[in-house]
Amino acid sequence: MSRYEHDFTHMFAGLEKQIAETDNPRHRAILKNYRLHGLLEVSGRYEELLSPTMTVEHPHYRIHEGGQSIILDGMAEVRAFYRSLVEANALVMWVAEQDIAVNDHGFSGEVVFNEFVPAPMLEGSAFGNIQAGEDPSEIYLLKRTLAFVWPYDEQCRMIGEHVYEDAASREISKPDPADVITAERAAELLAPEIDKELP
Protein backbone atom coordinates (compact mmCIF):
# COMPACT_ATOMS: atom_id res chain seq x y z
CA MET A 1 0.00 0.00 0.00
CA SER A 2 1.23 3.49 -0.88
CA ARG A 3 2.26 5.67 2.05
CA TYR A 4 0.05 8.39 0.53
CA GLU A 5 -3.19 6.39 0.35
CA HIS A 6 -4.59 7.47 3.71
CA ASP A 7 -4.10 11.18 3.04
CA PHE A 8 -5.34 10.72 -0.52
CA THR A 9 -8.55 8.99 0.52
CA HIS A 10 -9.24 11.46 3.34
CA MET A 11 -8.29 14.63 1.44
CA PHE A 12 -11.73 16.16 1.99
CA ALA A 13 -12.23 15.20 5.64
CA GLY A 14 -11.87 18.82 6.76
CA LEU A 15 -14.16 20.02 3.98
CA GLU A 16 -16.81 17.48 5.00
CA LYS A 17 -16.67 18.86 8.53
CA GLN A 18 -17.09 22.38 7.14
CA ILE A 19 -20.08 21.23 5.07
CA ALA A 20 -21.71 19.68 8.14
CA GLU A 21 -21.24 22.95 10.06
CA THR A 22 -22.55 25.18 7.24
CA ASP A 23 -26.17 26.26 7.72
CA ASN A 24 -26.69 28.27 4.54
CA PRO A 25 -28.18 25.87 1.93
CA ARG A 26 -26.54 27.63 -1.04
CA HIS A 27 -23.13 27.67 0.59
CA ARG A 28 -23.46 24.00 1.53
CA ALA A 29 -24.46 23.12 -2.06
CA ILE A 30 -21.41 24.96 -3.43
CA LEU A 31 -19.05 23.14 -1.07
CA LYS A 32 -20.64 19.79 -1.89
CA ASN A 33 -20.27 20.51 -5.60
CA TYR A 34 -16.57 21.32 -5.10
CA ARG A 35 -16.00 18.12 -3.13
CA LEU A 36 -17.71 15.91 -5.70
CA HIS A 37 -16.00 17.73 -8.57
CA GLY A 38 -12.60 17.02 -7.05
CA LEU A 39 -13.32 13.35 -6.40
CA LEU A 40 -14.69 12.77 -9.91
CA GLU A 41 -11.79 14.64 -11.51
CA VAL A 42 -9.11 12.63 -9.73
CA SER A 43 -10.98 9.42 -10.57
CA GLY A 44 -10.84 10.28 -14.28
CA ARG A 45 -14.63 10.65 -14.40
CA TYR A 46 -14.57 14.14 -15.87
CA GLU A 47 -17.68 13.63 -18.01
CA GLU A 48 -19.70 13.34 -14.81
CA LEU A 49 -18.36 16.56 -13.32
CA LEU A 50 -19.09 18.33 -16.61
CA SER A 51 -22.74 17.24 -16.52
CA PRO A 52 -25.40 20.00 -16.66
CA THR A 53 -26.26 19.42 -13.01
CA MET A 54 -22.71 20.28 -11.86
CA THR A 55 -21.18 22.64 -14.43
CA VAL A 56 -22.57 25.46 -16.57
CA GLU A 57 -22.89 24.92 -20.30
CA HIS A 58 -20.01 27.33 -21.06
CA PRO A 59 -17.36 26.99 -18.35
CA HIS A 60 -14.33 29.27 -18.24
CA TYR A 61 -11.04 28.17 -16.63
CA ARG A 62 -8.05 30.39 -15.82
CA ILE A 63 -5.01 28.41 -14.63
CA HIS A 64 -1.76 30.18 -13.75
CA GLU A 65 1.21 27.91 -12.97
CA GLY A 66 4.94 27.98 -13.54
CA GLY A 67 4.79 31.56 -14.75
CA GLN A 68 2.41 30.60 -17.55
CA SER A 69 -1.32 30.95 -18.04
CA ILE A 70 -3.85 28.63 -19.61
CA ILE A 71 -7.28 29.95 -20.53
CA LEU A 72 -9.97 27.39 -21.36
CA ASP A 73 -13.13 28.94 -22.75
CA GLY A 74 -16.13 26.71 -23.33
CA MET A 75 -17.05 23.09 -22.81
CA ALA A 76 -15.06 21.74 -25.77
CA GLU A 77 -11.79 23.22 -24.50
CA VAL A 78 -12.40 22.16 -20.89
CA ARG A 79 -13.34 18.63 -21.93
CA ALA A 80 -10.25 18.34 -24.15
CA PHE A 81 -8.07 19.54 -21.27
CA TYR A 82 -9.38 16.86 -18.92
CA ARG A 83 -9.01 14.23 -21.62
CA SER A 84 -5.37 15.22 -22.15
CA LEU A 85 -4.66 14.88 -18.42
CA VAL A 86 -6.23 11.42 -18.34
CA GLU A 87 -4.24 10.33 -21.38
CA ALA A 88 -1.02 11.66 -19.81
CA ASN A 89 -1.74 9.85 -16.52
CA ALA A 90 -1.61 13.19 -14.69
CA LEU A 91 -4.82 13.33 -12.68
CA VAL A 92 -3.76 11.66 -9.42
CA MET A 93 -3.69 14.65 -7.09
CA TRP A 94 -4.86 15.55 -3.61
CA VAL A 95 -5.03 18.44 -1.17
CA ALA A 96 -2.99 18.19 2.01
CA GLU A 97 -4.31 21.32 3.69
CA GLN A 98 -7.05 23.70 2.66
CA ASP A 99 -8.69 26.81 4.00
CA ILE A 100 -11.95 27.51 2.16
CA ALA A 101 -14.21 30.58 2.44
CA VAL A 102 -17.64 30.31 0.81
CA ASN A 103 -20.23 32.97 0.00
CA ASP A 104 -23.08 33.44 -2.45
CA HIS A 105 -20.65 34.10 -5.32
CA GLY A 106 -18.78 30.80 -4.87
CA PHE A 107 -15.70 29.92 -2.87
CA SER A 108 -12.07 30.87 -2.57
CA GLY A 109 -9.23 29.43 -0.60
CA GLU A 110 -5.64 28.42 -0.33
CA VAL A 111 -4.63 24.77 -0.59
CA VAL A 112 -1.47 22.72 -0.36
CA PHE A 113 -1.71 20.56 -3.45
CA ASN A 114 0.09 17.28 -4.23
CA GLU A 115 0.19 15.64 -7.65
CA PHE A 116 1.94 12.70 -9.27
CA VAL A 117 3.34 14.14 -12.49
CA PRO A 118 5.06 12.47 -15.48
CA ALA A 119 8.58 13.82 -15.96
CA PRO A 120 7.87 15.70 -19.23
CA MET A 121 5.23 17.82 -17.48
CA LEU A 122 7.77 19.25 -15.03
CA GLU A 123 9.31 21.47 -17.69
CA GLY A 124 8.25 24.99 -16.70
CA SER A 125 4.61 24.64 -15.80
CA ALA A 126 2.93 21.55 -14.44
CA PHE A 127 0.42 21.91 -17.26
CA GLY A 128 2.63 23.52 -19.87
CA ASN A 129 3.54 20.25 -21.58
CA ILE A 130 0.74 17.76 -21.05
CA GLN A 131 2.19 14.44 -22.14
CA ALA A 132 3.11 11.16 -20.56
CA GLY A 133 6.72 10.15 -20.35
CA GLU A 134 8.05 7.18 -22.29
CA ASP A 135 9.08 5.52 -19.03
CA PRO A 136 6.03 5.08 -16.77
CA SER A 137 8.32 4.79 -13.76
CA GLU A 138 9.43 8.40 -14.26
CA ILE A 139 6.72 9.85 -12.07
CA TYR A 140 7.50 12.71 -9.71
CA LEU A 141 5.61 14.21 -6.78
CA LEU A 142 4.89 17.89 -7.24
CA LYS A 143 3.81 19.81 -4.14
CA ARG A 144 2.85 23.48 -4.15
CA THR A 145 0.42 26.01 -2.71
CA LEU A 146 -2.45 27.13 -4.90
CA ALA A 147 -5.11 29.79 -4.48
CA PHE A 148 -8.54 28.85 -5.79
CA VAL A 149 -11.42 31.12 -6.82
CA TRP A 150 -14.40 29.22 -8.21
CA PRO A 151 -17.57 31.15 -9.15
CA TYR A 152 -21.00 29.44 -9.20
CA ASP A 153 -24.28 30.25 -10.94
CA GLU A 154 -27.74 30.63 -9.40
CA GLN A 155 -28.24 26.84 -9.57
CA CYS A 156 -25.03 26.21 -7.60
CA ARG A 157 -23.27 24.94 -10.72
CA MET A 158 -19.59 25.67 -11.20
CA ILE A 159 -18.89 28.44 -13.71
CA GLY A 160 -15.16 27.87 -13.81
CA GLU A 161 -11.87 27.43 -12.01
CA HIS A 162 -9.47 30.28 -11.35
CA VAL A 163 -6.23 28.76 -10.05
CA TYR A 164 -3.10 30.69 -9.02
CA GLU A 165 0.17 29.05 -8.02
CA ASP A 166 2.63 30.32 -5.43
CA ALA A 167 5.71 29.55 -7.53
CA ALA A 168 8.05 29.82 -4.53
CA SER A 169 6.22 26.95 -2.84
CA ARG A 170 6.98 24.36 -5.54
CA GLU A 171 8.71 21.22 -4.29
CA ILE A 172 9.57 18.30 -6.59
CA SER A 173 10.62 14.92 -5.24
CA LYS A 174 11.06 11.42 -6.63
CA PRO A 175 8.78 9.03 -4.76
CA ASP A 176 9.42 5.35 -4.30
CA PRO A 177 7.67 3.71 -7.31
CA ALA A 178 5.75 1.54 -4.81
CA ASP A 179 4.20 4.70 -3.37
CA VAL A 180 2.91 6.08 -6.67
CA ILE A 181 -0.89 5.86 -6.77
CA THR A 182 -1.99 4.78 -10.23
CA ALA A 183 -5.06 6.16 -11.96
CA GLU A 184 -6.77 2.79 -11.57
CA ARG A 185 -5.99 2.66 -7.85
CA ALA A 186 -7.16 6.26 -7.40
CA ALA A 187 -10.53 5.47 -8.95
CA GLU A 188 -10.86 2.39 -6.75
CA LEU A 189 -9.99 4.30 -3.56
CA LEU A 190 -12.32 7.20 -4.26
CA ALA A 191 -15.38 5.28 -5.46
CA PRO A 192 -16.78 4.90 -1.90
CA GLU A 193 -16.15 8.61 -1.25
CA ILE A 194 -18.04 9.56 -4.40
CA ASP A 195 -20.99 7.40 -3.35
CA LYS A 196 -21.01 8.75 0.21
CA GLU A 197 -24.19 10.65 1.11
CA LEU A 198 -23.51 13.96 2.84
CA PRO A 199 -26.11 15.91 4.86
C-alpha atoms as a PDB file:
ATOM      1  CA  MET A   1       0.000   0.000   0.000  1.00  0.00           C
ATOM      2  CA  SER A   2       1.234   3.491  -0.876  1.00  0.00           C
ATOM      3  CA  ARG A   3       2.260   5.671   2.049  1.00  0.00           C
ATOM      4  CA  TYR A   4       0.050   8.391   0.533  1.00  0.00           C
ATOM      5  CA  GLU A   5      -3.187   6.393   0.349  1.00  0.00           C
ATOM      6  CA  HIS A   6      -4.590   7.466   3.711  1.00  0.00           C
ATOM      7  CA  ASP A   7      -4.098  11.180   3.042  1.00  0.00           C
ATOM      8  CA  PHE A   8      -5.336  10.716  -0.522  1.00  0.00           C
ATOM      9  CA  THR A   9      -8.552   8.989   0.519  1.00  0.00           C
ATOM     10  CA  HIS A  10      -9.237  11.460   3.340  1.00  0.00           C
ATOM     11  CA  MET A  11      -8.293  14.626   1.442  1.00  0.00           C
ATOM     12  CA  PHE A  12     -11.734  16.161   1.993  1.00  0.00           C
ATOM     13  CA  ALA A  13     -12.234  15.204   5.645  1.00  0.00           C
ATOM     14  CA  GLY A  14     -11.869  18.818   6.760  1.00  0.00           C
ATOM     15  CA  LEU A  15     -14.162  20.016   3.983  1.00  0.00           C
ATOM     16  CA  GLU A  16     -16.805  17.476   5.001  1.00  0.00           C
ATOM     17  CA  LYS A  17     -16.674  18.863   8.532  1.00  0.00           C
ATOM     18  CA  GLN A  18     -17.086  22.381   7.139  1.00  0.00           C
ATOM     19  CA  ILE A  19     -20.084  21.230   5.073  1.00  0.00           C
ATOM     20  CA  ALA A  20     -21.711  19.676   8.142  1.00  0.00           C
ATOM     21  CA  GLU A  21     -21.244  22.948  10.058  1.00  0.00           C
ATOM     22  CA  THR A  22     -22.550  25.182   7.242  1.00  0.00           C
ATOM     23  CA  ASP A  23     -26.169  26.257   7.719  1.00  0.00           C
ATOM     24  CA  ASN A  24     -26.686  28.267   4.540  1.00  0.00           C
ATOM     25  CA  PRO A  25     -28.180  25.871   1.926  1.00  0.00           C
ATOM     26  CA  ARG A  26     -26.539  27.633  -1.040  1.00  0.00           C
ATOM     27  CA  HIS A  27     -23.133  27.668   0.593  1.00  0.00           C
ATOM     28  CA  ARG A  28     -23.461  24.005   1.532  1.00  0.00           C
ATOM     29  CA  ALA A  29     -24.459  23.122  -2.056  1.00  0.00           C
ATOM     30  CA  ILE A  30     -21.408  24.961  -3.426  1.00  0.00           C
ATOM     31  CA  LEU A  31     -19.046  23.140  -1.072  1.00  0.00           C
ATOM     32  CA  LYS A  32     -20.641  19.786  -1.891  1.00  0.00           C
ATOM     33  CA  ASN A  33     -20.272  20.513  -5.604  1.00  0.00           C
ATOM     34  CA  TYR A  34     -16.572  21.315  -5.101  1.00  0.00           C
ATOM     35  CA  ARG A  35     -15.997  18.116  -3.126  1.00  0.00           C
ATOM     36  CA  LEU A  36     -17.708  15.908  -5.702  1.00  0.00           C
ATOM     37  CA  HIS A  37     -15.995  17.730  -8.573  1.00  0.00           C
ATOM     38  CA  GLY A  38     -12.596  17.023  -7.049  1.00  0.00           C
ATOM     39  CA  LEU A  39     -13.317  13.352  -6.401  1.00  0.00           C
ATOM     40  CA  LEU A  40     -14.694  12.773  -9.905  1.00  0.00           C
ATOM     41  CA  GLU A  41     -11.791  14.636 -11.513  1.00  0.00           C
ATOM     42  CA  VAL A  42      -9.113  12.634  -9.728  1.00  0.00           C
ATOM     43  CA  SER A  43     -10.985   9.423 -10.568  1.00  0.00           C
ATOM     44  CA  GLY A  44     -10.838  10.284 -14.276  1.00  0.00           C
ATOM     45  CA  ARG A  45     -14.634  10.649 -14.395  1.00  0.00           C
ATOM     46  CA  TYR A  46     -14.568  14.135 -15.868  1.00  0.00           C
ATOM     47  CA  GLU A  47     -17.676  13.628 -18.013  1.00  0.00           C
ATOM     48  CA  GLU A  48     -19.704  13.344 -14.813  1.00  0.00           C
ATOM     49  CA  LEU A  49     -18.359  16.556 -13.316  1.00  0.00           C
ATOM     50  CA  LEU A  50     -19.095  18.328 -16.606  1.00  0.00           C
ATOM     51  CA  SER A  51     -22.743  17.239 -16.517  1.00  0.00           C
ATOM     52  CA  PRO A  52     -25.401  20.000 -16.663  1.00  0.00           C
ATOM     53  CA  THR A  53     -26.264  19.424 -13.010  1.00  0.00           C
ATOM     54  CA  MET A  54     -22.714  20.278 -11.862  1.00  0.00           C
ATOM     55  CA  THR A  55     -21.176  22.640 -14.429  1.00  0.00           C
ATOM     56  CA  VAL A  56     -22.567  25.459 -16.573  1.00  0.00           C
ATOM     57  CA  GLU A  57     -22.891  24.924 -20.304  1.00  0.00           C
ATOM     58  CA  HIS A  58     -20.014  27.330 -21.063  1.00  0.00           C
ATOM     59  CA  PRO A  59     -17.356  26.990 -18.350  1.00  0.00           C
ATOM     60  CA  HIS A  60     -14.331  29.266 -18.237  1.00  0.00           C
ATOM     61  CA  TYR A  61     -11.042  28.168 -16.635  1.00  0.00           C
ATOM     62  CA  ARG A  62      -8.054  30.386 -15.818  1.00  0.00           C
ATOM     63  CA  ILE A  63      -5.005  28.405 -14.634  1.00  0.00           C
ATOM     64  CA  HIS A  64      -1.765  30.181 -13.751  1.00  0.00           C
ATOM     65  CA  GLU A  65       1.208  27.909 -12.966  1.00  0.00           C
ATOM     66  CA  GLY A  66       4.940  27.979 -13.540  1.00  0.00           C
ATOM     67  CA  GLY A  67       4.786  31.564 -14.751  1.00  0.00           C
ATOM     68  CA  GLN A  68       2.409  30.600 -17.555  1.00  0.00           C
ATOM     69  CA  SER A  69      -1.322  30.949 -18.039  1.00  0.00           C
ATOM     70  CA  ILE A  70      -3.851  28.630 -19.608  1.00  0.00           C
ATOM     71  CA  ILE A  71      -7.284  29.951 -20.530  1.00  0.00           C
ATOM     72  CA  LEU A  72      -9.971  27.393 -21.356  1.00  0.00           C
ATOM     73  CA  ASP A  73     -13.131  28.938 -22.755  1.00  0.00           C
ATOM     74  CA  GLY A  74     -16.127  26.714 -23.328  1.00  0.00           C
ATOM     75  CA  MET A  75     -17.048  23.089 -22.814  1.00  0.00           C
ATOM     76  CA  ALA A  76     -15.063  21.735 -25.765  1.00  0.00           C
ATOM     77  CA  GLU A  77     -11.786  23.220 -24.496  1.00  0.00           C
ATOM     78  CA  VAL A  78     -12.403  22.162 -20.888  1.00  0.00           C
ATOM     79  CA  ARG A  79     -13.335  18.627 -21.930  1.00  0.00           C
ATOM     80  CA  ALA A  80     -10.249  18.335 -24.151  1.00  0.00           C
ATOM     81  CA  PHE A  81      -8.070  19.543 -21.272  1.00  0.00           C
ATOM     82  CA  TYR A  82      -9.383  16.863 -18.923  1.00  0.00           C
ATOM     83  CA  ARG A  83      -9.012  14.230 -21.624  1.00  0.00           C
ATOM     84  CA  SER A  84      -5.372  15.217 -22.155  1.00  0.00           C
ATOM     85  CA  LEU A  85      -4.658  14.882 -18.425  1.00  0.00           C
ATOM     86  CA  VAL A  86      -6.234  11.420 -18.337  1.00  0.00           C
ATOM     87  CA  GLU A  87      -4.238  10.328 -21.379  1.00  0.00           C
ATOM     88  CA  ALA A  88      -1.022  11.658 -19.807  1.00  0.00           C
ATOM     89  CA  ASN A  89      -1.739   9.849 -16.516  1.00  0.00           C
ATOM     90  CA  ALA A  90      -1.607  13.190 -14.690  1.00  0.00           C
ATOM     91  CA  LEU A  91      -4.818  13.330 -12.677  1.00  0.00           C
ATOM     92  CA  VAL A  92      -3.762  11.662  -9.415  1.00  0.00           C
ATOM     93  CA  MET A  93      -3.686  14.653  -7.087  1.00  0.00           C
ATOM     94  CA  TRP A  94      -4.860  15.551  -3.608  1.00  0.00           C
ATOM     95  CA  VAL A  95      -5.031  18.436  -1.174  1.00  0.00           C
ATOM     96  CA  ALA A  96      -2.987  18.190   2.013  1.00  0.00           C
ATOM     97  CA  GLU A  97      -4.314  21.324   3.687  1.00  0.00           C
ATOM     98  CA  GLN A  98      -7.050  23.699   2.661  1.00  0.00           C
ATOM     99  CA  ASP A  99      -8.694  26.812   4.003  1.00  0.00           C
ATOM    100  CA  ILE A 100     -11.949  27.509   2.158  1.00  0.00           C
ATOM    101  CA  ALA A 101     -14.208  30.576   2.437  1.00  0.00           C
ATOM    102  CA  VAL A 102     -17.636  30.314   0.808  1.00  0.00           C
ATOM    103  CA  ASN A 103     -20.227  32.966   0.002  1.00  0.00           C
ATOM    104  CA  ASP A 104     -23.084  33.443  -2.455  1.00  0.00           C
ATOM    105  CA  HIS A 105     -20.646  34.095  -5.324  1.00  0.00           C
ATOM    106  CA  GLY A 106     -18.780  30.799  -4.870  1.00  0.00           C
ATOM    107  CA  PHE A 107     -15.703  29.918  -2.868  1.00  0.00           C
ATOM    108  CA  SER A 108     -12.074  30.873  -2.566  1.00  0.00           C
ATOM    109  CA  GLY A 109      -9.233  29.431  -0.602  1.00  0.00           C
ATOM    110  CA  GLU A 110      -5.638  28.415  -0.331  1.00  0.00           C
ATOM    111  CA  VAL A 111      -4.629  24.773  -0.594  1.00  0.00           C
ATOM    112  CA  VAL A 112      -1.471  22.718  -0.358  1.00  0.00           C
ATOM    113  CA  PHE A 113      -1.706  20.555  -3.447  1.00  0.00           C
ATOM    114  CA  ASN A 114       0.091  17.281  -4.234  1.00  0.00           C
ATOM    115  CA  GLU A 115       0.194  15.637  -7.651  1.00  0.00           C
ATOM    116  CA  PHE A 116       1.941  12.700  -9.267  1.00  0.00           C
ATOM    117  CA  VAL A 117       3.337  14.139 -12.492  1.00  0.00           C
ATOM    118  CA  PRO A 118       5.056  12.471 -15.483  1.00  0.00           C
ATOM    119  CA  ALA A 119       8.582  13.817 -15.958  1.00  0.00           C
ATOM    120  CA  PRO A 120       7.867  15.698 -19.229  1.00  0.00           C
ATOM    121  CA  MET A 121       5.233  17.823 -17.482  1.00  0.00           C
ATOM    122  CA  LEU A 122       7.768  19.253 -15.035  1.00  0.00           C
ATOM    123  CA  GLU A 123       9.308  21.474 -17.687  1.00  0.00           C
ATOM    124  CA  GLY A 124       8.254  24.987 -16.702  1.00  0.00           C
ATOM    125  CA  SER A 125       4.613  24.643 -15.803  1.00  0.00           C
ATOM    126  CA  ALA A 126       2.935  21.546 -14.443  1.00  0.00           C
ATOM    127  CA  PHE A 127       0.419  21.908 -17.265  1.00  0.00           C
ATOM    128  CA  GLY A 128       2.629  23.524 -19.868  1.00  0.00           C
ATOM    129  CA  ASN A 129       3.540  20.252 -21.580  1.00  0.00           C
ATOM    130  CA  ILE A 130       0.740  17.756 -21.053  1.00  0.00           C
ATOM    131  CA  GLN A 131       2.193  14.442 -22.139  1.00  0.00           C
ATOM    132  CA  ALA A 132       3.105  11.159 -20.557  1.00  0.00           C
ATOM    133  CA  GLY A 133       6.721  10.147 -20.352  1.00  0.00           C
ATOM    134  CA  GLU A 134       8.050   7.179 -22.287  1.00  0.00           C
ATOM    135  CA  ASP A 135       9.083   5.524 -19.032  1.00  0.00           C
ATOM    136  CA  PRO A 136       6.032   5.077 -16.772  1.00  0.00           C
ATOM    137  CA  SER A 137       8.320   4.793 -13.755  1.00  0.00           C
ATOM    138  CA  GLU A 138       9.434   8.397 -14.264  1.00  0.00           C
ATOM    139  CA  ILE A 139       6.724   9.854 -12.066  1.00  0.00           C
ATOM    140  CA  TYR A 140       7.500  12.715  -9.709  1.00  0.00           C
ATOM    141  CA  LEU A 141       5.610  14.207  -6.780  1.00  0.00           C
ATOM    142  CA  LEU A 142       4.890  17.891  -7.241  1.00  0.00           C
ATOM    143  CA  LYS A 143       3.814  19.810  -4.139  1.00  0.00           C
ATOM    144  CA  ARG A 144       2.848  23.477  -4.149  1.00  0.00           C
ATOM    145  CA  THR A 145       0.422  26.007  -2.705  1.00  0.00           C
ATOM    146  CA  LEU A 146      -2.446  27.134  -4.897  1.00  0.00           C
ATOM    147  CA  ALA A 147      -5.112  29.792  -4.483  1.00  0.00           C
ATOM    148  CA  PHE A 148      -8.545  28.849  -5.795  1.00  0.00           C
ATOM    149  CA  VAL A 149     -11.417  31.118  -6.819  1.00  0.00           C
ATOM    150  CA  TRP A 150     -14.400  29.218  -8.211  1.00  0.00           C
ATOM    151  CA  PRO A 151     -17.573  31.146  -9.149  1.00  0.00           C
ATOM    152  CA  TYR A 152     -20.996  29.440  -9.203  1.00  0.00           C
ATOM    153  CA  ASP A 153     -24.278  30.246 -10.940  1.00  0.00           C
ATOM    154  CA  GLU A 154     -27.735  30.633  -9.397  1.00  0.00           C
ATOM    155  CA  GLN A 155     -28.240  26.844  -9.574  1.00  0.00           C
ATOM    156  CA  CYS A 156     -25.030  26.213  -7.605  1.00  0.00           C
ATOM    157  CA  ARG A 157     -23.269  24.943 -10.715  1.00  0.00           C
ATOM    158  CA  MET A 158     -19.590  25.671 -11.204  1.00  0.00           C
ATOM    159  CA  ILE A 159     -18.893  28.441 -13.711  1.00  0.00           C
ATOM    160  CA  GLY A 160     -15.160  27.870 -13.813  1.00  0.00           C
ATOM    161  CA  GLU A 161     -11.875  27.432 -12.015  1.00  0.00           C
ATOM    162  CA  HIS A 162      -9.467  30.278 -11.354  1.00  0.00           C
ATOM    163  CA  VAL A 163      -6.227  28.761 -10.046  1.00  0.00           C
ATOM    164  CA  TYR A 164      -3.095  30.691  -9.020  1.00  0.00           C
ATOM    165  CA  GLU A 165       0.173  29.053  -8.020  1.00  0.00           C
ATOM    166  CA  ASP A 166       2.628  30.321  -5.426  1.00  0.00           C
ATOM    167  CA  ALA A 167       5.710  29.552  -7.533  1.00  0.00           C
ATOM    168  CA  ALA A 168       8.050  29.821  -4.529  1.00  0.00           C
ATOM    169  CA  SER A 169       6.224  26.952  -2.842  1.00  0.00           C
ATOM    170  CA  ARG A 170       6.984  24.360  -5.541  1.00  0.00           C
ATOM    171  CA  GLU A 171       8.710  21.219  -4.294  1.00  0.00           C
ATOM    172  CA  ILE A 172       9.565  18.304  -6.586  1.00  0.00           C
ATOM    173  CA  SER A 173      10.621  14.922  -5.245  1.00  0.00           C
ATOM    174  CA  LYS A 174      11.059  11.424  -6.631  1.00  0.00           C
ATOM    175  CA  PRO A 175       8.776   9.031  -4.756  1.00  0.00           C
ATOM    176  CA  ASP A 176       9.416   5.347  -4.298  1.00  0.00           C
ATOM    177  CA  PRO A 177       7.674   3.708  -7.305  1.00  0.00           C
ATOM    178  CA  ALA A 178       5.755   1.540  -4.814  1.00  0.00           C
ATOM    179  CA  ASP A 179       4.205   4.703  -3.365  1.00  0.00           C
ATOM    180  CA  VAL A 180       2.909   6.080  -6.668  1.00  0.00           C
ATOM    181  CA  ILE A 181      -0.887   5.858  -6.772  1.00  0.00           C
ATOM    182  CA  THR A 182      -1.989   4.780 -10.233  1.00  0.00           C
ATOM    183  CA  ALA A 183      -5.062   6.157 -11.960  1.00  0.00           C
ATOM    184  CA  GLU A 184      -6.766   2.791 -11.567  1.00  0.00           C
ATOM    185  CA  ARG A 185      -5.994   2.664  -7.845  1.00  0.00           C
ATOM    186  CA  ALA A 186      -7.156   6.259  -7.398  1.00  0.00           C
ATOM    187  CA  ALA A 187     -10.526   5.466  -8.954  1.00  0.00           C
ATOM    188  CA  GLU A 188     -10.856   2.390  -6.747  1.00  0.00           C
ATOM    189  CA  LEU A 189      -9.991   4.296  -3.561  1.00  0.00           C
ATOM    190  CA  LEU A 190     -12.324   7.199  -4.255  1.00  0.00           C
ATOM    191  CA  ALA A 191     -15.384   5.279  -5.457  1.00  0.00           C
ATOM    192  CA  PRO A 192     -16.785   4.901  -1.897  1.00  0.00           C
ATOM    193  CA  GLU A 193     -16.147   8.607  -1.248  1.00  0.00           C
ATOM    194  CA  ILE A 194     -18.043   9.555  -4.396  1.00  0.00           C
ATOM    195  CA  ASP A 195     -20.986   7.397  -3.351  1.00  0.00           C
ATOM    196  CA  LYS A 196     -21.015   8.746   0.206  1.00  0.00           C
ATOM    197  CA  GLU A 197     -24.192  10.646   1.110  1.00  0.00           C
ATOM    198  CA  LEU A 198     -23.514  13.956   2.845  1.00  0.00           C
ATOM    199  CA  PRO A 199     -26.111  15.909   4.859  1.00  0.00           C
END
